[in-house]
Every structure is written in structure tokens, then in C-alpha cells.
């Protein structure tokens, strides 16, 4: 995916809205955390930053232009 507007800066982020009741859950069958993110309705490039309790930041880039 190509998107030149990704800033890489979690301080310039929008707040996210989770879909459903819980924002983050753990799936023991797959040993993964799941975040049901309600994607923005506006087309564009978005970065999702998740900061864990230990201070590490994980980033995912999304190009919602279709």
C-alpha cells in the first residue's frame, strides 16, 4: 500500500471508536489480542497506534481509499 501522508507520529493521532462492547479482547484459541476498530467513514490514510502498559507502541497503517 502506498500512502505518502502517514506521519508516524502517535501524538498527531485521532481518537478511535471501538465497535461493539469491548475495545480490546484476547482470543486464547489464536493467542492474539483483538481490537474491533470502527473505521472512519471518510476515505483517506490512517494510522492506528496502540500503546501497551509497558510503554511499547505498535502501529498499523490503513489506506481507506476504496
PDB file of N, CA and C in Angstrom:
ATOM      1  N   UNK A   1       0.852  -1.166   0.000  1.00  0.00           N
ATOM      2  CA  UNK A   1       0.000   0.000   0.000  1.00  0.00           C
ATOM      3  C   UNK A   1       0.893   1.222   0.000  1.00  0.00           C
ATOM      4  N   UNK A   2       0.525   2.184  -0.770  1.00  0.00           N
ATOM      5  CA  UNK A   2       1.294   3.420  -0.834  1.00  0.00           C
ATOM      6  C   UNK A   2       0.449   4.566  -0.296  1.00  0.00           C
ATOM      7  N   UNK A   3       0.996   5.279   0.644  1.00  0.00           N
ATOM      8  CA  UNK A   3       0.296   6.444   1.171  1.00  0.00           C
ATOM      9  C   UNK A   3       1.339   7.395   1.743  1.00  0.00           C
ATOM     10  N   UNK A   4       1.534   8.507   1.083  1.00  0.00           N
ATOM     11  CA  UNK A   4       2.596   9.430   1.490  1.00  0.00           C
ATOM     12  C   UNK A   4       2.217  10.290   2.690  1.00  0.00           C
ATOM     13  N   UNK A   5       0.967  10.227   3.172  1.00  0.00           N
ATOM     14  CA  UNK A   5       0.560  11.097   4.277  1.00  0.00           C
ATOM     15  C   UNK A   5       0.733  10.461   5.651  1.00  0.00           C
ATOM     16  N   UNK A   6       1.233   9.216   5.731  1.00  0.00           N
ATOM     17  CA  UNK A   6       1.457   8.619   7.038  1.00  0.00           C
ATOM     18  C   UNK A   6       2.537   9.404   7.771  1.00  0.00           C
ATOM     19  N   UNK A   7       2.210   9.887   8.947  1.00  0.00           N
ATOM     20  CA  UNK A   7       3.152  10.732   9.679  1.00  0.00           C
ATOM     21  C   UNK A   7       4.084   9.927  10.575  1.00  0.00           C
ATOM     22  N   UNK A   8       3.630   8.782  11.066  1.00  0.00           N
ATOM     23  CA  UNK A   8       4.440   8.015  12.005  1.00  0.00           C
ATOM     24  C   UNK A   8       4.486   8.627  13.388  1.00  0.00           C
ATOM     25  N   UNK A   9       3.656   9.623  13.636  1.00  0.00           N
ATOM     26  CA  UNK A   9       3.675  10.348  14.907  1.00  0.00           C
ATOM     27  C   UNK A   9       2.403  10.042  15.695  1.00  0.00           C
ATOM     28  N   UNK A  10       2.492   9.230  16.764  1.00  0.00           N
ATOM     29  CA  UNK A  10       1.288   8.916  17.534  1.00  0.00           C
ATOM     30  C   UNK A  10       0.699  10.109  18.278  1.00  0.00           C
ATOM     31  N   UNK A  11       1.448  11.195  18.391  1.00  0.00           N
ATOM     32  CA  UNK A  11       0.929  12.388  19.066  1.00  0.00           C
ATOM     33  C   UNK A  11       0.002  13.194  18.171  1.00  0.00           C
ATOM     34  N   UNK A  12      -0.030  12.878  16.875  1.00  0.00           N
ATOM     35  CA  UNK A  12      -0.882  13.573  15.922  1.00  0.00           C
ATOM     36  C   UNK A  12      -2.054  12.681  15.518  1.00  0.00           C
ATOM     37  N   UNK A  13      -2.485  11.821  16.426  1.00  0.00           N
ATOM     38  CA  UNK A  13      -3.487  10.813  16.098  1.00  0.00           C
ATOM     39  C   UNK A  13      -4.899  11.262  16.464  1.00  0.00           C
ATOM     40  N   UNK A  14      -5.867  10.674  15.773  1.00  0.00           N
ATOM     41  CA  UNK A  14      -7.271  10.855  16.114  1.00  0.00           C
ATOM     42  C   UNK A  14      -7.666   9.797  17.127  1.00  0.00           C
ATOM     43  N   UNK A  15      -8.667  10.082  17.926  1.00  0.00           N
ATOM     44  CA  UNK A  15      -9.173   9.075  18.849  1.00  0.00           C
ATOM     45  C   UNK A  15      -9.961   8.045  18.047  1.00  0.00           C
ATOM     46  N   UNK A  16      -9.898   6.792  18.461  1.00  0.00           N
ATOM     47  CA  UNK A  16     -10.642   5.740  17.772  1.00  0.00           C
ATOM     48  C   UNK A  16     -11.893   5.381  18.558  1.00  0.00           C
ATOM     49  N   UNK A  17     -12.821   4.778  17.861  1.00  0.00           N
ATOM     50  CA  UNK A  17     -14.040   4.276  18.469  1.00  0.00           C
ATOM     51  C   UNK A  17     -14.081   2.782  18.251  1.00  0.00           C
ATOM     52  N   UNK A  18     -14.274   2.029  19.325  1.00  0.00           N
ATOM     53  CA  UNK A  18     -14.346   0.580  19.162  1.00  0.00           C
ATOM     54  C   UNK A  18     -15.758   0.190  18.753  1.00  0.00           C
ATOM     55  N   UNK A  19     -15.833  -0.872  17.973  1.00  0.00           N
ATOM     56  CA  UNK A  19     -17.125  -1.411  17.559  1.00  0.00           C
ATOM     57  C   UNK A  19     -17.514  -2.497  18.543  1.00  0.00           C
ATOM     58  N   UNK A  20     -18.738  -2.488  18.997  1.00  0.00           N
ATOM     59  CA  UNK A  20     -19.165  -3.498  19.967  1.00  0.00           C
ATOM     60  C   UNK A  20     -18.906  -3.037  21.383  1.00  0.00           C
ATOM     61  N   UNK A  21     -19.005  -3.961  22.326  1.00  0.00           N
ATOM     62  CA  UNK A  21     -18.898  -3.622  23.739  1.00  0.00           C
ATOM     63  C   UNK A  21     -17.494  -3.378  24.234  1.00  0.00           C
ATOM     64  N   UNK A  22     -16.552  -4.235  23.849  1.00  0.00           N
ATOM     65  CA  UNK A  22     -15.195  -4.122  24.378  1.00  0.00           C
ATOM     66  C   UNK A  22     -14.242  -3.630  23.302  1.00  0.00           C
ATOM     67  N   UNK A  23     -13.297  -2.802  23.686  1.00  0.00           N
ATOM     68  CA  UNK A  23     -12.309  -2.321  22.737  1.00  0.00           C
ATOM     69  C   UNK A  23     -11.269  -3.374  22.409  1.00  0.00           C
ATOM     70  N   UNK A  24     -10.650  -3.940  23.427  1.00  0.00           N
ATOM     71  CA  UNK A  24      -9.598  -4.936  23.223  1.00  0.00           C
ATOM     72  C   UNK A  24      -9.994  -6.215  23.954  1.00  0.00           C
ATOM     73  N   UNK A  25      -9.817  -7.336  23.275  1.00  0.00           N
ATOM     74  CA  UNK A  25     -10.064  -8.634  23.902  1.00  0.00           C
ATOM     75  C   UNK A  25      -8.940  -9.586  23.522  1.00  0.00           C
ATOM     76  N   UNK A  26      -8.835 -10.678  24.251  1.00  0.00           N
ATOM     77  CA  UNK A  26      -7.813 -11.682  23.970  1.00  0.00           C
ATOM     78  C   UNK A  26      -8.494 -12.949  23.500  1.00  0.00           C
ATOM     79  N   UNK A  27      -8.019 -13.518  22.404  1.00  0.00           N
ATOM     80  CA  UNK A  27      -8.539 -14.765  21.862  1.00  0.00           C
ATOM     81  C   UNK A  27      -7.541 -15.874  22.188  1.00  0.00           C
ATOM     82  N   UNK A  28      -7.838 -16.705  23.195  1.00  0.00           N
ATOM     83  CA  UNK A  28      -6.878 -17.747  23.584  1.00  0.00           C
ATOM     84  C   UNK A  28      -6.693 -18.823  22.515  1.00  0.00           C
ATOM     85  N   UNK A  29      -7.672 -18.998  21.630  1.00  0.00           N
ATOM     86  CA  UNK A  29      -7.550 -20.008  20.571  1.00  0.00           C
ATOM     87  C   UNK A  29      -6.454 -19.641  19.578  1.00  0.00           C
ATOM     88  N   UNK A  30      -6.292 -18.332  19.306  1.00  0.00           N
ATOM     89  CA  UNK A  30      -5.276 -17.880  18.350  1.00  0.00           C
ATOM     90  C   UNK A  30      -4.094 -17.206  19.033  1.00  0.00           C
ATOM     91  N   UNK A  31      -4.186 -17.026  20.379  1.00  0.00           N
ATOM     92  CA  UNK A  31      -3.148 -16.364  21.157  1.00  0.00           C
ATOM     93  C   UNK A  31      -2.888 -14.948  20.642  1.00  0.00           C
ATOM     94  N   UNK A  32      -3.985 -14.233  20.348  1.00  0.00           N
ATOM     95  CA  UNK A  32      -3.890 -12.875  19.812  1.00  0.00           C
ATOM     96  C   UNK A  32      -4.839 -11.939  20.549  1.00  0.00           C
ATOM     97  N   UNK A  33      -4.426 -10.675  20.600  1.00  0.00           N
ATOM     98  CA  UNK A  33      -5.335  -9.646  21.060  1.00  0.00           C
ATOM     99  C   UNK A  33      -6.121  -9.149  19.858  1.00  0.00           C
ATOM    100  N   UNK A  34      -7.390  -8.807  20.085  1.00  0.00           N
ATOM    101  CA  UNK A  34      -8.269  -8.353  19.010  1.00  0.00           C
ATOM    102  C   UNK A  34      -8.819  -6.983  19.386  1.00  0.00           C
ATOM    103  N   UNK A  35      -8.714  -6.036  18.464  1.00  0.00           N
ATOM    104  CA  UNK A  35      -9.292  -4.707  18.667  1.00  0.00           C
ATOM    105  C   UNK A  35     -10.300  -4.471  17.558  1.00  0.00           C
ATOM    106  N   UNK A  36     -11.565  -4.378  17.917  1.00  0.00           N
ATOM    107  CA  UNK A  36     -12.634  -4.139  16.948  1.00  0.00           C
ATOM    108  C   UNK A  36     -12.770  -2.640  16.728  1.00  0.00           C
ATOM    109  N   UNK A  37     -12.041  -2.170  15.733  1.00  0.00           N
ATOM    110  CA  UNK A  37     -11.962  -0.744  15.432  1.00  0.00           C
ATOM    111  C   UNK A  37     -13.044  -0.366  14.447  1.00  0.00           C
ATOM    112  N   UNK A  38     -13.793   0.666  14.752  1.00  0.00           N
ATOM    113  CA  UNK A  38     -14.780   1.202  13.819  1.00  0.00           C
ATOM    114  C   UNK A  38     -14.038   2.158  12.900  1.00  0.00           C
ATOM    115  N   UNK A  39     -13.852   1.738  11.652  1.00  0.00           N
ATOM    116  CA  UNK A  39     -13.070   2.540  10.711  1.00  0.00           C
ATOM    117  C   UNK A  39     -13.786   3.841  10.385  1.00  0.00           C
ATOM    118  N   UNK A  40     -13.030   4.891  10.100  1.00  0.00           N
ATOM    119  CA  UNK A  40     -13.630   6.178   9.752  1.00  0.00           C
ATOM    120  C   UNK A  40     -14.453   6.073   8.464  1.00  0.00           C
ATOM    121  N   UNK A  41     -15.489   6.880   8.363  1.00  0.00           N
ATOM    122  CA  UNK A  41     -16.339   6.848   7.169  1.00  0.00           C
ATOM    123  C   UNK A  41     -15.745   7.679   6.035  1.00  0.00           C
ATOM    124  N   UNK A  42     -14.752   8.503   6.333  1.00  0.00           N
ATOM    125  CA  UNK A  42     -14.110   9.333   5.323  1.00  0.00           C
ATOM    126  C   UNK A  42     -12.936   8.583   4.709  1.00  0.00           C
ATOM    127  N   UNK A  43     -12.870   8.555   3.376  1.00  0.00           N
ATOM    128  CA  UNK A  43     -11.747   7.922   2.699  1.00  0.00           C
ATOM    129  C   UNK A  43     -10.459   8.644   3.060  1.00  0.00           C
ATOM    130  N   UNK A  44      -9.366   7.909   3.087  1.00  0.00           N
ATOM    131  CA  UNK A  44      -8.086   8.527   3.369  1.00  0.00           C
ATOM    132  C   UNK A  44      -7.105   7.548   3.968  1.00  0.00           C
ATOM    133  N   UNK A  45      -5.980   8.066   4.418  1.00  0.00           N
ATOM    134  CA  UNK A  45      -4.915   7.269   5.005  1.00  0.00           C
ATOM    135  C   UNK A  45      -4.950   7.456   6.523  1.00  0.00           C
ATOM    136  N   UNK A  46      -4.901   6.343   7.229  1.00  0.00           N
ATOM    137  CA  UNK A  46      -4.994   6.375   8.681  1.00  0.00           C
ATOM    138  C   UNK A  46      -3.918   5.497   9.289  1.00  0.00           C
ATOM    139  N   UNK A  47      -3.471   5.898  10.467  1.00  0.00           N
ATOM    140  CA  UNK A  47      -2.543   5.094  11.254  1.00  0.00           C
ATOM    141  C   UNK A  47      -3.217   4.795  12.575  1.00  0.00           C
ATOM    142  N   UNK A  48      -3.132   3.555  12.983  1.00  0.00           N
ATOM    143  CA  UNK A  48      -3.656   3.152  14.280  1.00  0.00           C
ATOM    144  C   UNK A  48      -2.465   2.854  15.181  1.00  0.00           C
ATOM    145  N   UNK A  49      -2.385   3.534  16.315  1.00  0.00           N
ATOM    146  CA  UNK A  49      -1.327   3.324  17.294  1.00  0.00           C
ATOM    147  C   UNK A  49      -1.935   2.708  18.543  1.00  0.00           C
ATOM    148  N   UNK A  50      -1.346   1.654  19.022  1.00  0.00           N
ATOM    149  CA  UNK A  50      -1.779   1.017  20.263  1.00  0.00           C
ATOM    150  C   UNK A  50      -0.601   1.066  21.219  1.00  0.00           C
ATOM    151  N   UNK A  51      -0.807   1.691  22.369  1.00  0.00           N
ATOM    152  CA  UNK A  51       0.232   1.786  23.388  1.00  0.00           C
ATOM    153  C   UNK A  51      -0.094   0.808  24.509  1.00  0.00           C
ATOM    154  N   UNK A  52       0.835  -0.087  24.785  1.00  0.00           N
ATOM    155  CA  UNK A  52       0.638  -1.093  25.823  1.00  0.00           C
ATOM    156  C   UNK A  52       1.085  -0.563  27.178  1.00  0.00           C
ATOM    157  N   UNK A  53       0.713  -1.279  28.236  1.00  0.00           N
ATOM    158  CA  UNK A  53       1.078  -0.856  29.595  1.00  0.00           C
ATOM    159  C   UNK A  53       2.574  -0.749  29.798  1.00  0.00           C
ATOM    160  N   UNK A  54       3.364  -1.525  29.040  1.00  0.00           N
ATOM    161  CA  UNK A  54       4.820  -1.455  29.209  1.00  0.00           C
ATOM    162  C   UNK A  54       5.442  -0.294  28.434  1.00  0.00           C
ATOM    163  N   UNK A  55       4.603   0.517  27.772  1.00  0.00           N
ATOM    164  CA  UNK A  55       5.091   1.700  27.066  1.00  0.00           C
ATOM    165  C   UNK A  55       5.404   1.476  25.591  1.00  0.00           C
ATOM    166  N   UNK A  56       5.385   0.229  25.122  1.00  0.00           N
ATOM    167  CA  UNK A  56       5.660  -0.013  23.707  1.00  0.00           C
ATOM    168  C   UNK A  56       4.479   0.435  22.859  1.00  0.00           C
ATOM    169  N   UNK A  57       4.801   0.960  21.683  1.00  0.00           N
ATOM    170  CA  UNK A  57       3.786   1.449  20.758  1.00  0.00           C
ATOM    171  C   UNK A  57       3.816   0.576  19.509  1.00  0.00           C
ATOM    172  N   UNK A  58       2.639   0.101  19.118  1.00  0.00           N
ATOM    173  CA  UNK A  58       2.503  -0.709  17.909  1.00  0.00           C
ATOM    174  C   UNK A  58       1.661   0.073  16.907  1.00  0.00           C
ATOM    175  N   UNK A  59       2.071   0.014  15.647  1.00  0.00           N
ATOM    176  CA  UNK A  59       1.459   0.850  14.624  1.00  0.00           C
ATOM    177  C   UNK A  59       0.959  -0.004  13.461  1.00  0.00           C
ATOM    178  N   UNK A  60      -0.202   0.377  12.919  1.00  0.00           N
ATOM    179  CA  UNK A  60      -0.728  -0.253  11.708  1.00  0.00           C
ATOM    180  C   UNK A  60      -1.217   0.856  10.783  1.00  0.00           C
ATOM    181  N   UNK A  61      -0.882   0.757   9.499  1.00  0.00           N
ATOM    182  CA  UNK A  61      -1.277   1.757   8.505  1.00  0.00           C
ATOM    183  C   UNK A  61      -2.437   1.228   7.671  1.00  0.00           C
ATOM    184  N   UNK A  62      -3.398   2.108   7.382  1.00  0.00           N
ATOM    185  CA  UNK A  62      -4.573   1.741   6.596  1.00  0.00           C
ATOM    186  C   UNK A  62      -4.806   2.784   5.508  1.00  0.00           C
ATOM    187  N   UNK A  63      -5.031   2.321   4.306  1.00  0.00           N
ATOM    188  CA  UNK A  63      -5.385   3.188   3.184  1.00  0.00           C
ATOM    189  C   UNK A  63      -6.830   2.879   2.826  1.00  0.00           C
ATOM    190  N   UNK A  64      -7.750   3.747   3.220  1.00  0.00           N
ATOM    191  CA  UNK A  64      -9.185   3.519   3.033  1.00  0.00           C
ATOM    192  C   UNK A  64      -9.698   4.342   1.858  1.00  0.00           C
ATOM    193  N   UNK A  65      -9.095   4.159   0.710  1.00  0.00           N
ATOM    194  CA  UNK A  65      -9.473   4.942  -0.465  1.00  0.00           C
ATOM    195  C   UNK A  65     -10.375   4.210  -1.427  1.00  0.00           C
ATOM    196  N   UNK A  66     -10.850   3.055  -1.062  1.00  0.00           N
ATOM    197  CA  UNK A  66     -11.722   2.301  -1.965  1.00  0.00           C
ATOM    198  C   UNK A  66     -13.093   2.153  -1.405  1.00  0.00           C
TER     199      UNK A  66
END
